[in-house]
C-alpha atoms as a PDB file:
ATOM      1  CA  MET A   1       0.000   0.000   0.000  1.00  0.00           C
ATOM      2  CA  LYS A   2       1.222   3.463  -0.849  1.00  0.00           C
ATOM      3  CA  THR A   3       1.925   5.521   2.279  1.00  0.00           C
ATOM      4  CA  PHE A   4       0.989   9.014   1.093  1.00  0.00           C
ATOM      5  CA  ILE A   5      -0.403  11.100  -1.760  1.00  0.00           C
ATOM      6  CA  GLU A   6       0.771  14.655  -2.242  1.00  0.00           C
ATOM      7  CA  THR A   7      -1.120  17.510  -3.919  1.00  0.00           C
ATOM      8  CA  GLU A   8      -0.342  21.194  -4.250  1.00  0.00           C
ATOM      9  CA  ARG A   9      -1.479  21.971  -0.684  1.00  0.00           C
ATOM     10  CA  LEU A  10      -2.227  18.614   0.903  1.00  0.00           C
ATOM     11  CA  LEU A  11      -0.602  15.463   2.147  1.00  0.00           C
ATOM     12  CA  LEU A  12      -2.949  12.475   2.268  1.00  0.00           C
ATOM     13  CA  ARG A  13      -1.837   9.573   4.462  1.00  0.00           C
ATOM     14  CA  PRO A  14      -3.309   6.693   6.458  1.00  0.00           C
ATOM     15  CA  LEU A  15      -5.109   7.704   9.633  1.00  0.00           C
ATOM     16  CA  HIS A  16      -3.409   6.923  12.943  1.00  0.00           C
ATOM     17  CA  ALA A  17      -3.961   7.408  16.670  1.00  0.00           C
ATOM     18  CA  ASP A  18      -2.385  10.882  16.653  1.00  0.00           C
ATOM     19  CA  ASP A  19      -5.351  12.060  14.534  1.00  0.00           C
ATOM     20  CA  LEU A  20      -8.000  11.069  17.076  1.00  0.00           C
ATOM     21  CA  GLU A  21      -8.258  14.412  18.916  1.00  0.00           C
ATOM     22  CA  ALA A  22      -8.814  16.514  15.771  1.00  0.00           C
ATOM     23  CA  TRP A  23     -10.952  13.748  14.255  1.00  0.00           C
ATOM     24  CA  TYR A  24     -13.156  13.847  17.362  1.00  0.00           C
ATOM     25  CA  GLU A  25     -13.439  17.639  17.042  1.00  0.00           C
ATOM     26  CA  MET A  26     -14.688  17.125  13.471  1.00  0.00           C
ATOM     27  CA  ASP A  27     -17.073  14.234  14.096  1.00  0.00           C
ATOM     28  CA  SER A  28     -18.565  15.635  17.306  1.00  0.00           C
ATOM     29  CA  ASP A  29     -19.607  18.842  15.478  1.00  0.00           C
ATOM     30  CA  PRO A  30     -23.375  18.755  14.773  1.00  0.00           C
ATOM     31  CA  GLU A  31     -22.879  20.978  11.693  1.00  0.00           C
ATOM     32  CA  VAL A  32     -20.574  18.357  10.154  1.00  0.00           C
ATOM     33  CA  HIS A  33     -23.302  15.741  10.634  1.00  0.00           C
ATOM     34  CA  ILE A  34     -26.278  17.627   9.165  1.00  0.00           C
ATOM     35  CA  TYR A  35     -26.208  15.485   6.009  1.00  0.00           C
ATOM     36  CA  LEU A  36     -24.847  12.372   7.733  1.00  0.00           C
ATOM     37  CA  GLY A  37     -27.913  11.399   9.739  1.00  0.00           C
ATOM     38  CA  ASN A  38     -27.533  14.052  12.458  1.00  0.00           C
ATOM     39  CA  ASN A  39     -25.645  11.666  14.700  1.00  0.00           C
ATOM     40  CA  PRO A  40     -22.459  13.402  15.895  1.00  0.00           C
ATOM     41  CA  VAL A  41     -19.940  11.308  17.796  1.00  0.00           C
ATOM     42  CA  THR A  42     -20.135  11.696  21.569  1.00  0.00           C
ATOM     43  CA  ASP A  43     -17.557   9.119  22.624  1.00  0.00           C
ATOM     44  CA  LYS A  44     -13.865   9.205  21.685  1.00  0.00           C
ATOM     45  CA  GLN A  45     -13.685   5.429  22.139  1.00  0.00           C
ATOM     46  CA  HIS A  46     -16.046   5.062  19.176  1.00  0.00           C
ATOM     47  CA  LEU A  47     -13.491   6.754  16.893  1.00  0.00           C
ATOM     48  CA  HIS A  48     -10.739   4.578  18.319  1.00  0.00           C
ATOM     49  CA  ASP A  49     -12.824   1.550  17.273  1.00  0.00           C
ATOM     50  CA  VAL A  50     -13.459   3.070  13.835  1.00  0.00           C
ATOM     51  CA  LEU A  51      -9.725   3.636  13.453  1.00  0.00           C
ATOM     52  CA  GLY A  52      -9.125  -0.060  14.088  1.00  0.00           C
ATOM     53  CA  ASN A  53     -11.667  -0.927  11.383  1.00  0.00           C
ATOM     54  CA  LEU A  54     -10.063   1.524   8.948  1.00  0.00           C
ATOM     55  CA  GLN A  55      -6.610   0.124   9.588  1.00  0.00           C
ATOM     56  CA  GLN A  56      -7.997  -3.359   8.883  1.00  0.00           C
ATOM     57  CA  GLN A  57      -9.375  -2.045   5.570  1.00  0.00           C
ATOM     58  CA  TYR A  58      -5.885  -0.832   4.712  1.00  0.00           C
ATOM     59  CA  ILE A  59      -4.645  -4.395   5.238  1.00  0.00           C
ATOM     60  CA  ASP A  60      -7.566  -6.171   3.557  1.00  0.00           C
ATOM     61  CA  ASN A  61      -8.195  -3.813   0.627  1.00  0.00           C
ATOM     62  CA  GLY A  62      -5.003  -1.767   0.354  1.00  0.00           C
ATOM     63  CA  ILE A  63      -7.106   1.395   0.579  1.00  0.00           C
ATOM     64  CA  GLY A  64      -9.552   3.281   2.792  1.00  0.00           C
ATOM     65  CA  ARG A  65     -10.233   6.715   4.215  1.00  0.00           C
ATOM     66  CA  TRP A  66      -6.995   8.618   4.852  1.00  0.00           C
ATOM     67  CA  ALA A  67      -6.127  11.744   6.803  1.00  0.00           C
ATOM     68  CA  VAL A  68      -6.136  14.990   4.863  1.00  0.00           C
ATOM     69  CA  THR A  69      -3.382  17.203   6.255  1.00  0.00           C
ATOM     70  CA  ASP A  70      -1.887  20.565   5.374  1.00  0.00           C
ATOM     71  CA  LYS A  71       1.319  19.832   3.495  1.00  0.00           C
ATOM     72  CA  ASN A  72       3.258  22.599   5.232  1.00  0.00           C
ATOM     73  CA  THR A  73       1.951  22.483   8.808  1.00  0.00           C
ATOM     74  CA  HIS A  74       0.781  18.822   8.925  1.00  0.00           C
ATOM     75  CA  GLU A  75      -2.442  20.026  10.577  1.00  0.00           C
ATOM     76  CA  PHE A  76      -5.287  17.488  10.375  1.00  0.00           C
ATOM     77  CA  LEU A  77      -7.991  18.963   8.135  1.00  0.00           C
ATOM     78  CA  GLY A  78     -10.235  15.901   7.861  1.00  0.00           C
ATOM     79  CA  TRP A  79     -10.252  12.636   5.953  1.00  0.00           C
ATOM     80  CA  ALA A  80     -10.845  11.488   2.384  1.00  0.00           C
ATOM     81  CA  GLY A  81     -10.363   8.378   0.334  1.00  0.00           C
ATOM     82  CA  LEU A  82     -11.705   5.410  -1.525  1.00  0.00           C
ATOM     83  CA  LYS A  83     -13.551   2.710   0.388  1.00  0.00           C
ATOM     84  CA  LEU A  84     -14.624  -0.671  -0.949  1.00  0.00           C
ATOM     85  CA  MET A  85     -18.396  -0.949  -0.333  1.00  0.00           C
ATOM     86  CA  LYS A  86     -21.502  -2.753  -1.585  1.00  0.00           C
ATOM     87  CA  LYS A  87     -24.281  -0.970  -3.475  1.00  0.00           C
ATOM     88  CA  PRO A  88     -27.650  -0.854  -1.695  1.00  0.00           C
ATOM     89  CA  GLY A  89     -29.765  -3.792  -2.815  1.00  0.00           C
ATOM     90  CA  GLU A  90     -26.891  -5.292  -4.792  1.00  0.00           C
ATOM     91  CA  ASN A  91     -24.044  -7.625  -4.024  1.00  0.00           C
ATOM     92  CA  SER A  92     -21.536  -5.992  -6.352  1.00  0.00           C
ATOM     93  CA  PRO A  93     -18.698  -4.100  -4.669  1.00  0.00           C
ATOM     94  CA  TYR A  94     -17.713  -0.596  -5.691  1.00  0.00           C
ATOM     95  CA  TYR A  95     -15.162   2.013  -4.670  1.00  0.00           C
ATOM     96  CA  ASP A  96     -16.796   4.920  -2.876  1.00  0.00           C
ATOM     97  CA  LEU A  97     -15.146   8.341  -2.942  1.00  0.00           C
ATOM     98  CA  GLY A  98     -15.708   9.996   0.424  1.00  0.00           C
ATOM     99  CA  TYR A  99     -14.443  13.009   2.360  1.00  0.00           C
ATOM    100  CA  ARG A 100     -15.149  14.931   5.524  1.00  0.00           C
ATOM    101  CA  LEU A 101     -13.494  18.090   6.843  1.00  0.00           C
ATOM    102  CA  LEU A 102     -13.422  20.070  10.044  1.00  0.00           C
ATOM    103  CA  ARG A 103     -15.920  22.911   9.603  1.00  0.00           C
ATOM    104  CA  LYS A 104     -13.196  25.574   9.920  1.00  0.00           C
ATOM    105  CA  HIS A 105     -11.696  24.183   6.690  1.00  0.00           C
ATOM    106  CA  TRP A 106     -14.883  24.238   4.603  1.00  0.00           C
ATOM    107  CA  GLY A 107     -14.990  26.451   1.528  1.00  0.00           C
ATOM    108  CA  LYS A 108     -11.232  26.410   0.891  1.00  0.00           C
ATOM    109  CA  GLY A 109     -11.204  23.792  -1.874  1.00  0.00           C
ATOM    110  CA  TYR A 110      -9.563  21.094   0.244  1.00  0.00           C
ATOM    111  CA  ALA A 111     -12.330  18.526  -0.314  1.00  0.00           C
ATOM    112  CA  THR A 112     -12.148  19.011  -4.076  1.00  0.00           C
ATOM    113  CA  GLU A 113      -8.342  18.842  -4.080  1.00  0.00           C
ATOM    114  CA  ALA A 114      -8.380  15.623  -2.057  1.00  0.00           C
ATOM    115  CA  ALA A 115     -11.199  14.111  -4.150  1.00  0.00           C
ATOM    116  CA  LEU A 116      -9.347  14.858  -7.387  1.00  0.00           C
ATOM    117  CA  ALA A 117      -6.206  13.239  -5.987  1.00  0.00           C
ATOM    118  CA  TRP A 118      -8.148  10.102  -5.045  1.00  0.00           C
ATOM    119  CA  VAL A 119      -9.834   9.819  -8.445  1.00  0.00           C
ATOM    120  CA  LYS A 120      -6.460  10.154 -10.149  1.00  0.00           C
ATOM    121  CA  TYR A 121      -4.935   7.579  -7.786  1.00  0.00           C
ATOM    122  CA  GLY A 122      -7.859   5.188  -8.221  1.00  0.00           C
ATOM    123  CA  PHE A 123      -7.668   5.202 -11.990  1.00  0.00           C
ATOM    124  CA  ASN A 124      -3.912   5.581 -12.530  1.00  0.00           C
ATOM    125  CA  GLU A 125      -2.449   3.555  -9.643  1.00  0.00           C
ATOM    126  CA  MET A 126      -5.186   1.078  -8.745  1.00  0.00           C
ATOM    127  CA  ASN A 127      -6.477   0.692 -12.315  1.00  0.00           C
ATOM    128  CA  LEU A 128     -10.075   0.777 -11.087  1.00  0.00           C
ATOM    129  CA  PRO A 129     -12.754   0.455 -13.775  1.00  0.00           C
ATOM    130  CA  GLU A 130     -15.140   2.819 -11.950  1.00  0.00           C
ATOM    131  CA  ILE A 131     -15.357   5.162  -8.960  1.00  0.00           C
ATOM    132  CA  CYS A 132     -18.671   6.074  -7.337  1.00  0.00           C
ATOM    133  CA  GLY A 133     -19.711   8.732  -4.869  1.00  0.00           C
ATOM    134  CA  ARG A 134     -22.863   9.559  -2.989  1.00  0.00           C
ATOM    135  CA  THR A 135     -24.149  12.389  -0.898  1.00  0.00           C
ATOM    136  CA  ASN A 136     -27.393  13.440   0.716  1.00  0.00           C
ATOM    137  CA  VAL A 137     -29.642  14.975  -1.946  1.00  0.00           C
ATOM    138  CA  GLY A 138     -29.677  18.276  -0.027  1.00  0.00           C
ATOM    139  CA  ASN A 139     -25.898  18.611   0.216  1.00  0.00           C
ATOM    140  CA  SER A 140     -25.121  20.902  -2.728  1.00  0.00           C
ATOM    141  CA  ALA A 141     -21.517  21.512  -1.582  1.00  0.00           C
ATOM    142  CA  SER A 142     -20.746  17.793  -1.661  1.00  0.00           C
ATOM    143  CA  LYS A 143     -22.490  17.383  -5.028  1.00  0.00           C
ATOM    144  CA  ASN A 144     -20.180  20.108  -6.381  1.00  0.00           C
ATOM    145  CA  VAL A 145     -17.095  18.327  -5.031  1.00  0.00           C
ATOM    146  CA  LEU A 146     -18.091  15.054  -6.700  1.00  0.00           C
ATOM    147  CA  GLN A 147     -18.735  16.814 -10.008  1.00  0.00           C
ATOM    148  CA  LYS A 148     -15.460  18.763  -9.854  1.00  0.00           C
ATOM    149  CA  ALA A 149     -13.699  15.446  -9.205  1.00  0.00           C
ATOM    150  CA  GLY A 150     -15.084  14.187 -12.519  1.00  0.00           C
ATOM    151  CA  LEU A 151     -18.018  12.080 -11.348  1.00  0.00           C
ATOM    152  CA  LYS A 152     -21.368  12.377 -13.139  1.00  0.00           C
ATOM    153  CA  TYR A 153     -24.796  12.381 -11.509  1.00  0.00           C
ATOM    154  CA  ILE A 154     -26.662   9.099 -12.106  1.00  0.00           C
ATOM    155  CA  ASP A 155     -29.809   9.037  -9.932  1.00  0.00           C
ATOM    156  CA  GLU A 156     -31.195   9.087  -6.412  1.00  0.00           C
ATOM    157  CA  ARG A 157     -31.031   5.987  -4.202  1.00  0.00           C
ATOM    158  CA  THR A 158     -31.855   5.262  -0.602  1.00  0.00           C
ATOM    159  CA  PHE A 159     -28.894   4.522   1.655  1.00  0.00           C
ATOM    160  CA  ASP A 160     -29.324   3.989   5.388  1.00  0.00           C
ATOM    161  CA  GLY A 161     -32.905   5.224   5.049  1.00  0.00           C
ATOM    162  CA  ALA A 162     -31.993   8.592   3.486  1.00  0.00           C
ATOM    163  CA  PRO A 163     -32.182   9.725  -0.148  1.00  0.00           C
ATOM    164  CA  ASP A 164     -28.733  10.080  -1.681  1.00  0.00           C
ATOM    165  CA  ALA A 165     -27.602  11.524  -4.988  1.00  0.00           C
ATOM    166  CA  TRP A 166     -25.376   8.943  -6.725  1.00  0.00           C
ATOM    167  CA  PHE A 167     -22.454   9.814  -8.955  1.00  0.00           C
ATOM    168  CA  THR A 168     -20.057   7.660 -10.953  1.00  0.00           C
ATOM    169  CA  CYS A 169     -17.213   7.845 -13.429  1.00  0.00           C
ATOM    170  CA  SER A 170     -15.609   5.076 -15.438  1.00  0.00           C
ATOM    171  CA  LYS A 171     -11.897   5.058 -16.093  1.00  0.00           C
ATOM    172  CA  GLU A 172     -12.671   5.297 -19.808  1.00  0.00           C
ATOM    173  CA  GLN A 173     -14.832   8.401 -19.297  1.00  0.00           C
ATOM    174  CA  TRP A 174     -12.252   9.974 -16.970  1.00  0.00           C
ATOM    175  CA  LEU A 175      -9.441   9.427 -19.487  1.00  0.00           C
ATOM    176  CA  HIS A 176     -11.624  10.912 -22.221  1.00  0.00           C
ATOM    177  CA  ASP A 177     -12.393  13.964 -20.051  1.00  0.00           C
ATOM    178  CA  GLN A 178      -8.657  14.512 -19.386  1.00  0.00           C
ATOM    179  CA  LYS A 179      -8.014  15.285 -23.074  1.00  0.00           C
END
């Protein structure tokens, strides 16, 4: 597994225990969870358990959600990455492009920069045939990130009881769009 991805302003790397304090700040913020089921984290142990699951995904799948950090200061800004998942109502696996940032870092283009880096990595390094993304239908900022990352709107689907806007991009389409 690659150990980091570098962009103009960001360093993306696997999450580790040193990220837990800032990660808790992000995931305990009710504003961050408006489009995520309004269920902010209230227990730091929960994130410690999630970290263990993520680290197992790194081992099992060679990929997962990674820390998004400022390249110069190494400050934790949030997380982003590709996660192997199953489509609702289907058995077929897919790679989900996801991201989440501390609220103080919203509106600075970090989510888009990280998403673009992951799409490029997924197609160029992992040779994935397709990358998908989903967001709550009301989350226009996240829809914009997915579109700027090259994914195209497909339809609405229900995930965990909520309506989500689904996006996808094939490697073939992405390569065509790069011309």
